[in-house]
Amino acid sequence: MCPGMRRAETPQEIAHTRTVRAETVLTGRVDLRGYPHRHLAVVSHNTHAAALMEAMASAEHLSQWGWELVNMSNVGGTTTIMCAVMRRTG
């Protein structure tokens, strides 16, 4: 793991919380084939523009694997936490 990089969430953590960090998606450190739920929240913690770009890029990446974007929103009224709600299509 590179300095400054957070550890990737385990499949069990992702299934329990129904969330995954955008960073984990974009660095390829997640495999959602065994994810047991239909919906998933992809969360980005960053500056406003970077959080939006990171969440959108994650949604685009997951669309290649059978997920579609349902909604995107800032969380808790803050512009530094963006959440992309995804739905499994298959």
N, C-alpha and C. Protein backbone atom coordinates (compact mmCIF):
# COMPACT_ATOMS: atom_id res chain seq x y z
N MET A 1 0.85 -1.18 0.00
CA MET A 1 0.00 0.00 0.00
C MET A 1 0.89 1.23 0.00
N CYS A 2 0.53 2.22 -0.81
CA CYS A 2 1.31 3.46 -0.92
C CYS A 2 1.08 4.34 0.30
N PRO A 3 2.07 5.12 0.69
CA PRO A 3 1.86 6.06 1.79
C PRO A 3 0.71 7.01 1.47
N GLY A 4 -0.14 7.24 2.45
CA GLY A 4 -1.28 8.13 2.27
C GLY A 4 -2.52 7.45 1.73
N MET A 5 -2.36 6.24 1.20
CA MET A 5 -3.51 5.52 0.66
C MET A 5 -4.18 4.74 1.79
N ARG A 6 -5.47 4.87 1.87
CA ARG A 6 -6.22 4.13 2.90
C ARG A 6 -6.31 2.66 2.52
N ARG A 7 -6.50 1.84 3.52
CA ARG A 7 -6.67 0.42 3.24
C ARG A 7 -8.05 0.24 2.60
N ALA A 8 -8.15 -0.69 1.68
CA ALA A 8 -9.42 -0.95 1.00
C ALA A 8 -10.39 -1.63 1.98
N GLU A 9 -11.65 -1.29 1.83
CA GLU A 9 -12.67 -1.96 2.64
C GLU A 9 -12.74 -3.43 2.26
N THR A 10 -13.05 -4.28 3.21
CA THR A 10 -13.22 -5.70 2.91
C THR A 10 -14.60 -5.91 2.30
N PRO A 11 -14.80 -7.00 1.57
CA PRO A 11 -16.14 -7.29 1.03
C PRO A 11 -17.20 -7.34 2.13
N GLN A 12 -16.83 -7.83 3.31
CA GLN A 12 -17.77 -7.91 4.43
C GLN A 12 -18.16 -6.51 4.91
N GLU A 13 -17.19 -5.60 5.00
CA GLU A 13 -17.48 -4.22 5.40
C GLU A 13 -18.39 -3.53 4.39
N ILE A 14 -18.09 -3.72 3.12
CA ILE A 14 -18.90 -3.10 2.07
C ILE A 14 -20.33 -3.63 2.12
N ALA A 15 -20.50 -4.93 2.29
CA ALA A 15 -21.84 -5.52 2.36
C ALA A 15 -22.59 -5.04 3.60
N HIS A 16 -21.89 -4.92 4.72
CA HIS A 16 -22.53 -4.50 5.97
C HIS A 16 -22.98 -3.04 5.91
N THR A 17 -22.11 -2.16 5.42
CA THR A 17 -22.42 -0.73 5.41
C THR A 17 -23.14 -0.30 4.13
N ARG A 18 -23.08 -1.14 3.10
CA ARG A 18 -23.63 -0.84 1.77
C ARG A 18 -23.00 0.40 1.16
N THR A 19 -21.76 0.67 1.56
CA THR A 19 -21.01 1.79 1.00
C THR A 19 -19.59 1.35 0.64
N VAL A 20 -19.01 2.07 -0.30
CA VAL A 20 -17.61 1.87 -0.67
C VAL A 20 -17.04 3.25 -1.00
N ARG A 21 -15.79 3.46 -0.66
CA ARG A 21 -15.14 4.73 -0.98
C ARG A 21 -14.85 4.78 -2.48
N ALA A 22 -15.02 5.95 -3.07
CA ALA A 22 -14.72 6.14 -4.49
C ALA A 22 -13.26 5.80 -4.77
N GLU A 23 -12.39 6.16 -3.86
CA GLU A 23 -10.96 5.86 -4.00
C GLU A 23 -10.73 4.36 -4.19
N THR A 24 -11.47 3.55 -3.44
CA THR A 24 -11.33 2.10 -3.54
C THR A 24 -11.76 1.61 -4.92
N VAL A 25 -12.85 2.17 -5.43
CA VAL A 25 -13.34 1.80 -6.76
C VAL A 25 -12.32 2.19 -7.83
N LEU A 26 -11.85 3.43 -7.77
CA LEU A 26 -10.98 3.95 -8.82
C LEU A 26 -9.59 3.34 -8.83
N THR A 27 -9.16 2.80 -7.71
CA THR A 27 -7.85 2.15 -7.67
C THR A 27 -7.95 0.65 -7.93
N GLY A 28 -9.15 0.17 -8.22
CA GLY A 28 -9.34 -1.24 -8.56
C GLY A 28 -9.18 -2.19 -7.40
N ARG A 29 -9.40 -1.69 -6.18
CA ARG A 29 -9.21 -2.54 -5.00
C ARG A 29 -10.52 -3.10 -4.47
N VAL A 30 -11.52 -3.25 -5.35
CA VAL A 30 -12.80 -3.79 -4.92
C VAL A 30 -13.34 -4.73 -5.99
N ASP A 31 -13.92 -5.82 -5.54
CA ASP A 31 -14.59 -6.77 -6.43
C ASP A 31 -16.01 -6.92 -5.92
N LEU A 32 -16.97 -6.41 -6.66
CA LEU A 32 -18.36 -6.40 -6.20
C LEU A 32 -19.18 -7.57 -6.74
N ARG A 33 -18.53 -8.56 -7.35
CA ARG A 33 -19.29 -9.70 -7.89
C ARG A 33 -20.06 -10.44 -6.81
N GLY A 34 -19.53 -10.49 -5.60
CA GLY A 34 -20.20 -11.19 -4.51
C GLY A 34 -21.06 -10.29 -3.63
N TYR A 35 -21.18 -9.02 -4.01
CA TYR A 35 -21.96 -8.06 -3.21
C TYR A 35 -23.42 -8.52 -3.17
N PRO A 36 -24.01 -8.70 -1.98
CA PRO A 36 -25.33 -9.34 -1.87
C PRO A 36 -26.54 -8.43 -2.05
N HIS A 37 -26.33 -7.13 -2.21
CA HIS A 37 -27.47 -6.20 -2.29
C HIS A 37 -27.59 -5.61 -3.68
N ARG A 38 -28.74 -5.03 -3.98
CA ARG A 38 -28.98 -4.43 -5.30
C ARG A 38 -28.44 -3.00 -5.39
N HIS A 39 -28.43 -2.27 -4.28
CA HIS A 39 -28.00 -0.88 -4.27
C HIS A 39 -26.70 -0.71 -3.48
N LEU A 40 -25.92 0.29 -3.88
CA LEU A 40 -24.63 0.56 -3.27
C LEU A 40 -24.38 2.06 -3.30
N ALA A 41 -23.86 2.60 -2.22
CA ALA A 41 -23.49 4.01 -2.18
C ALA A 41 -21.98 4.13 -2.33
N VAL A 42 -21.55 4.94 -3.29
CA VAL A 42 -20.13 5.22 -3.50
C VAL A 42 -19.88 6.61 -2.95
N VAL A 43 -19.00 6.72 -1.96
CA VAL A 43 -18.81 7.97 -1.25
C VAL A 43 -17.41 8.53 -1.52
N SER A 44 -17.38 9.85 -1.78
CA SER A 44 -16.12 10.54 -2.01
C SER A 44 -15.98 11.67 -1.00
N HIS A 45 -14.84 11.69 -0.30
CA HIS A 45 -14.50 12.76 0.65
C HIS A 45 -13.37 13.55 0.03
N ASN A 46 -13.63 14.78 -0.39
CA ASN A 46 -12.61 15.58 -1.05
C ASN A 46 -13.08 17.02 -1.12
N THR A 47 -12.35 17.88 -1.79
CA THR A 47 -12.85 19.23 -2.02
C THR A 47 -14.06 19.12 -2.94
N HIS A 48 -14.87 20.16 -3.01
CA HIS A 48 -16.13 20.09 -3.76
C HIS A 48 -15.95 19.57 -5.18
N ALA A 49 -15.13 20.22 -5.97
CA ALA A 49 -14.97 19.81 -7.36
C ALA A 49 -14.36 18.42 -7.46
N ALA A 50 -13.36 18.14 -6.64
CA ALA A 50 -12.71 16.83 -6.68
C ALA A 50 -13.65 15.73 -6.21
N ALA A 51 -14.47 15.99 -5.20
CA ALA A 51 -15.42 14.98 -4.72
C ALA A 51 -16.43 14.64 -5.80
N LEU A 52 -16.93 15.65 -6.49
CA LEU A 52 -17.89 15.42 -7.57
C LEU A 52 -17.24 14.62 -8.70
N MET A 53 -16.05 15.03 -9.11
CA MET A 53 -15.36 14.32 -10.19
C MET A 53 -15.05 12.88 -9.81
N GLU A 54 -14.63 12.65 -8.57
CA GLU A 54 -14.28 11.31 -8.11
C GLU A 54 -15.52 10.42 -8.05
N ALA A 55 -16.63 10.96 -7.55
CA ALA A 55 -17.87 10.18 -7.49
C ALA A 55 -18.39 9.86 -8.89
N MET A 56 -18.33 10.84 -9.79
CA MET A 56 -18.77 10.62 -11.17
C MET A 56 -17.88 9.59 -11.88
N ALA A 57 -16.60 9.69 -11.69
CA ALA A 57 -15.67 8.74 -12.31
C ALA A 57 -15.92 7.33 -11.79
N SER A 58 -16.23 7.21 -10.51
CA SER A 58 -16.53 5.90 -9.92
C SER A 58 -17.81 5.32 -10.52
N ALA A 59 -18.82 6.17 -10.67
CA ALA A 59 -20.08 5.72 -11.28
C ALA A 59 -19.84 5.26 -12.72
N GLU A 60 -19.04 6.01 -13.44
CA GLU A 60 -18.71 5.64 -14.82
C GLU A 60 -17.97 4.31 -14.86
N HIS A 61 -17.02 4.13 -13.96
CA HIS A 61 -16.26 2.88 -13.90
C HIS A 61 -17.18 1.70 -13.58
N LEU A 62 -18.05 1.87 -12.59
CA LEU A 62 -18.94 0.76 -12.22
C LEU A 62 -19.97 0.45 -13.29
N SER A 63 -20.28 1.42 -14.15
CA SER A 63 -21.25 1.16 -15.23
C SER A 63 -20.73 0.08 -16.19
N GLN A 64 -19.43 -0.08 -16.25
CA GLN A 64 -18.83 -1.13 -17.08
C GLN A 64 -19.09 -2.53 -16.50
N TRP A 65 -19.46 -2.58 -15.23
CA TRP A 65 -19.63 -3.85 -14.53
C TRP A 65 -21.08 -4.10 -14.12
N GLY A 66 -22.03 -3.47 -14.83
CA GLY A 66 -23.44 -3.77 -14.60
C GLY A 66 -24.10 -2.95 -13.51
N TRP A 67 -23.57 -1.76 -13.23
CA TRP A 67 -24.17 -0.86 -12.26
C TRP A 67 -24.62 0.40 -12.97
N GLU A 68 -25.74 0.98 -12.53
CA GLU A 68 -26.19 2.25 -13.10
C GLU A 68 -26.37 3.28 -11.99
N LEU A 69 -26.13 4.53 -12.35
CA LEU A 69 -26.27 5.63 -11.41
C LEU A 69 -27.75 5.93 -11.19
N VAL A 70 -28.17 5.93 -9.93
CA VAL A 70 -29.56 6.25 -9.58
C VAL A 70 -29.67 7.71 -9.18
N ASN A 71 -28.73 8.18 -8.36
CA ASN A 71 -28.78 9.55 -7.85
C ASN A 71 -27.39 9.95 -7.37
N MET A 72 -27.15 11.25 -7.38
CA MET A 72 -25.91 11.78 -6.83
C MET A 72 -26.28 12.97 -5.95
N SER A 73 -25.65 13.04 -4.79
CA SER A 73 -25.99 14.11 -3.86
C SER A 73 -24.82 14.40 -2.94
N ASN A 74 -24.81 15.63 -2.40
CA ASN A 74 -23.87 15.91 -1.33
C ASN A 74 -24.48 15.36 -0.03
N VAL A 75 -23.63 15.00 0.88
CA VAL A 75 -24.08 14.33 2.11
C VAL A 75 -24.03 15.31 3.27
N GLY A 76 -25.12 15.40 4.00
CA GLY A 76 -25.16 16.23 5.20
C GLY A 76 -25.01 17.70 4.94
N GLY A 77 -25.33 18.14 3.72
CA GLY A 77 -25.26 19.55 3.41
C GLY A 77 -23.84 20.05 3.16
N THR A 78 -22.88 19.15 3.20
CA THR A 78 -21.50 19.56 2.94
C THR A 78 -21.16 19.30 1.47
N THR A 79 -20.39 20.16 0.89
CA THR A 79 -20.01 19.97 -0.52
C THR A 79 -18.72 19.16 -0.65
N THR A 80 -18.17 18.70 0.45
CA THR A 80 -16.94 17.92 0.38
C THR A 80 -17.17 16.43 0.48
N ILE A 81 -18.41 16.02 0.67
CA ILE A 81 -18.75 14.59 0.68
C ILE A 81 -19.85 14.37 -0.34
N MET A 82 -19.52 13.65 -1.41
CA MET A 82 -20.48 13.35 -2.45
C MET A 82 -20.81 11.86 -2.41
N CYS A 83 -22.05 11.54 -2.70
CA CYS A 83 -22.50 10.15 -2.68
C CYS A 83 -23.19 9.83 -3.99
N ALA A 84 -22.71 8.80 -4.66
CA ALA A 84 -23.34 8.29 -5.87
C ALA A 84 -24.07 7.00 -5.50
N VAL A 85 -25.38 7.01 -5.63
CA VAL A 85 -26.16 5.80 -5.33
C VAL A 85 -26.27 5.00 -6.62
N MET A 86 -25.83 3.76 -6.54
CA MET A 86 -25.76 2.89 -7.71
C MET A 86 -26.74 1.73 -7.56
N ARG A 87 -27.24 1.21 -8.70
CA ARG A 87 -28.13 0.04 -8.71
C ARG A 87 -27.52 -1.00 -9.66
N ARG A 88 -27.50 -2.24 -9.18
CA ARG A 88 -27.03 -3.33 -10.03
C ARG A 88 -28.09 -3.61 -11.09
N THR A 89 -27.71 -3.69 -12.33
CA THR A 89 -28.68 -3.87 -13.41
C THR A 89 -28.91 -5.33 -13.75
N GLY A 90 -27.98 -6.18 -13.42
CA GLY A 90 -28.11 -7.58 -13.81
C GLY A 90 -28.52 -8.50 -12.72
